[in-house]
């Protein structure tokens, strides 16, 4: 489960870091602090912050509801990144060399 945030399109590394810092600030302003900040992005170059992994969606429902009530957009991924390198989805920084 991820928070979907702003676009990374056309941004350099420092600008992307500013986008990430903005999301961290927004979370902290709402009283949310994560133990770890795992950043990923999707095929549209959208910033995504992993906020939890769950075996069953039902286990995440309360957290989803809480984050959405704070104004965050939640995205659910049902497969692991890299399971099928040809499929769209979220990508880890170390999965950049994808075959086309």
C-alpha atoms as a PDB file:
ATOM      1  CA  UNK A   1       0.000   0.000   0.000  1.00  0.00           C
ATOM      2  CA  UNK A   2       1.372   3.411  -0.988  1.00  0.00           C
ATOM      3  CA  UNK A   3       0.554   7.072  -0.683  1.00  0.00           C
ATOM      4  CA  UNK A   4       0.376   8.499  -4.205  1.00  0.00           C
ATOM      5  CA  UNK A   5       1.974  11.934  -4.292  1.00  0.00           C
ATOM      6  CA  UNK A   6       3.214  14.421  -6.874  1.00  0.00           C
ATOM      7  CA  UNK A   7       4.749  13.716 -10.254  1.00  0.00           C
ATOM      8  CA  UNK A   8       8.484  13.298 -10.713  1.00  0.00           C
ATOM      9  CA  UNK A   9       8.294  14.038 -14.454  1.00  0.00           C
ATOM     10  CA  UNK A  10      11.063  16.337 -15.691  1.00  0.00           C
ATOM     11  CA  UNK A  11      12.499  16.731 -12.172  1.00  0.00           C
ATOM     12  CA  UNK A  12      16.164  16.255 -11.334  1.00  0.00           C
ATOM     13  CA  UNK A  13      17.334  14.424  -8.195  1.00  0.00           C
ATOM     14  CA  UNK A  14      17.279  17.493  -5.924  1.00  0.00           C
ATOM     15  CA  UNK A  15      13.794  18.448  -7.108  1.00  0.00           C
ATOM     16  CA  UNK A  16      12.611  14.875  -6.500  1.00  0.00           C
ATOM     17  CA  UNK A  17      14.047  15.061  -2.996  1.00  0.00           C
ATOM     18  CA  UNK A  18      12.030  18.258  -2.455  1.00  0.00           C
ATOM     19  CA  UNK A  19       8.866  16.363  -3.480  1.00  0.00           C
ATOM     20  CA  UNK A  20       9.695  13.602  -0.986  1.00  0.00           C
ATOM     21  CA  UNK A  21      10.455  16.129   1.790  1.00  0.00           C
ATOM     22  CA  UNK A  22       7.117  17.826   1.099  1.00  0.00           C
ATOM     23  CA  UNK A  23       5.257  14.548   1.630  1.00  0.00           C
ATOM     24  CA  UNK A  24       7.201  13.798   4.820  1.00  0.00           C
ATOM     25  CA  UNK A  25       6.273  17.270   6.121  1.00  0.00           C
ATOM     26  CA  UNK A  26       2.615  16.777   5.200  1.00  0.00           C
ATOM     27  CA  UNK A  27       2.543  13.483   7.085  1.00  0.00           C
ATOM     28  CA  UNK A  28       4.271  14.932  10.149  1.00  0.00           C
ATOM     29  CA  UNK A  29       1.894  17.917  10.153  1.00  0.00           C
ATOM     30  CA  UNK A  30      -0.918  15.346  10.463  1.00  0.00           C
ATOM     31  CA  UNK A  31       0.870  13.549  13.314  1.00  0.00           C
ATOM     32  CA  UNK A  32       2.071  10.618  11.179  1.00  0.00           C
ATOM     33  CA  UNK A  33       5.680   9.502  11.373  1.00  0.00           C
ATOM     34  CA  UNK A  34       6.791   6.301   9.685  1.00  0.00           C
ATOM     35  CA  UNK A  35       9.557   4.084  10.980  1.00  0.00           C
ATOM     36  CA  UNK A  36      11.013   3.844   7.452  1.00  0.00           C
ATOM     37  CA  UNK A  37      10.445   5.863   4.272  1.00  0.00           C
ATOM     38  CA  UNK A  38      10.551   3.563   1.260  1.00  0.00           C
ATOM     39  CA  UNK A  39      10.137   5.556  -1.965  1.00  0.00           C
ATOM     40  CA  UNK A  40       9.046   3.960  -5.220  1.00  0.00           C
ATOM     41  CA  UNK A  41       7.487   5.242  -8.428  1.00  0.00           C
ATOM     42  CA  UNK A  42       5.139   3.963 -11.086  1.00  0.00           C
ATOM     43  CA  UNK A  43       5.147   3.879 -14.874  1.00  0.00           C
ATOM     44  CA  UNK A  44       3.812   7.465 -14.899  1.00  0.00           C
ATOM     45  CA  UNK A  45       6.781   8.693 -12.822  1.00  0.00           C
ATOM     46  CA  UNK A  46       4.544   9.402  -9.835  1.00  0.00           C
ATOM     47  CA  UNK A  47       6.073   9.595  -6.347  1.00  0.00           C
ATOM     48  CA  UNK A  48       4.816   6.766  -4.147  1.00  0.00           C
ATOM     49  CA  UNK A  49       5.612   6.182  -0.480  1.00  0.00           C
ATOM     50  CA  UNK A  50       5.198   2.633   0.805  1.00  0.00           C
ATOM     51  CA  UNK A  51       3.151   2.867   4.001  1.00  0.00           C
ATOM     52  CA  UNK A  52       2.689  -0.823   4.657  1.00  0.00           C
ATOM     53  CA  UNK A  53       2.594  -4.322   3.249  1.00  0.00           C
ATOM     54  CA  UNK A  54      -0.204  -6.709   4.119  1.00  0.00           C
ATOM     55  CA  UNK A  55      -1.041 -10.234   3.149  1.00  0.00           C
ATOM     56  CA  UNK A  56      -4.759  -9.404   3.040  1.00  0.00           C
ATOM     57  CA  UNK A  57      -6.389  -6.098   2.077  1.00  0.00           C
ATOM     58  CA  UNK A  58      -8.726  -6.433   5.073  1.00  0.00           C
ATOM     59  CA  UNK A  59      -5.709  -6.104   7.385  1.00  0.00           C
ATOM     60  CA  UNK A  60      -4.923  -2.677   5.878  1.00  0.00           C
ATOM     61  CA  UNK A  61      -8.441  -1.225   5.808  1.00  0.00           C
ATOM     62  CA  UNK A  62      -8.160   0.844   9.002  1.00  0.00           C
ATOM     63  CA  UNK A  63      -4.805   2.351   7.947  1.00  0.00           C
ATOM     64  CA  UNK A  64      -6.186   3.112   4.474  1.00  0.00           C
ATOM     65  CA  UNK A  65      -9.246   4.798   5.964  1.00  0.00           C
ATOM     66  CA  UNK A  66      -7.098   6.822   8.369  1.00  0.00           C
ATOM     67  CA  UNK A  67      -4.704   8.069   5.681  1.00  0.00           C
ATOM     68  CA  UNK A  68      -7.549   8.899   3.279  1.00  0.00           C
ATOM     69  CA  UNK A  69      -9.336  10.851   6.048  1.00  0.00           C
ATOM     70  CA  UNK A  70      -6.169  12.960   6.322  1.00  0.00           C
ATOM     71  CA  UNK A  71      -6.392  13.768   2.610  1.00  0.00           C
ATOM     72  CA  UNK A  72      -3.847  11.311   1.216  1.00  0.00           C
ATOM     73  CA  UNK A  73      -4.497   9.312  -1.942  1.00  0.00           C
ATOM     74  CA  UNK A  74      -3.812   5.614  -1.448  1.00  0.00           C
ATOM     75  CA  UNK A  75      -2.690   3.181  -4.128  1.00  0.00           C
ATOM     76  CA  UNK A  76      -2.805  -0.566  -3.639  1.00  0.00           C
ATOM     77  CA  UNK A  77      -0.325  -2.826  -5.417  1.00  0.00           C
ATOM     78  CA  UNK A  78      -1.233  -6.506  -5.531  1.00  0.00           C
ATOM     79  CA  UNK A  79       2.038  -7.757  -6.997  1.00  0.00           C
ATOM     80  CA  UNK A  80       5.630  -7.316  -6.052  1.00  0.00           C
ATOM     81  CA  UNK A  81       7.817  -4.980  -8.101  1.00  0.00           C
ATOM     82  CA  UNK A  82      10.000  -6.944 -10.476  1.00  0.00           C
ATOM     83  CA  UNK A  83       7.806 -10.062 -10.512  1.00  0.00           C
ATOM     84  CA  UNK A  84       7.212  -9.457 -14.198  1.00  0.00           C
ATOM     85  CA  UNK A  85       9.672  -6.856 -15.539  1.00  0.00           C
ATOM     86  CA  UNK A  86       7.500  -6.299 -18.625  1.00  0.00           C
ATOM     87  CA  UNK A  87       4.379  -5.444 -16.604  1.00  0.00           C
ATOM     88  CA  UNK A  88       3.558  -1.903 -15.516  1.00  0.00           C
ATOM     89  CA  UNK A  89       3.576  -1.146 -11.815  1.00  0.00           C
ATOM     90  CA  UNK A  90       5.851   0.360  -9.243  1.00  0.00           C
ATOM     91  CA  UNK A  91       9.593   0.152  -9.777  1.00  0.00           C
ATOM     92  CA  UNK A  92      12.479   0.097  -7.336  1.00  0.00           C
ATOM     93  CA  UNK A  93      15.511   2.263  -7.928  1.00  0.00           C
ATOM     94  CA  UNK A  94      17.619  -0.816  -8.619  1.00  0.00           C
ATOM     95  CA  UNK A  95      15.154  -2.066 -11.306  1.00  0.00           C
ATOM     96  CA  UNK A  96      15.862   0.737 -13.745  1.00  0.00           C
ATOM     97  CA  UNK A  97      17.351  -1.468 -16.433  1.00  0.00           C
ATOM     98  CA  UNK A  98      14.151  -2.949 -17.805  1.00  0.00           C
ATOM     99  CA  UNK A  99      14.103  -4.744 -21.100  1.00  0.00           C
ATOM    100  CA  UNK A 100      11.871  -3.141 -23.710  1.00  0.00           C
END
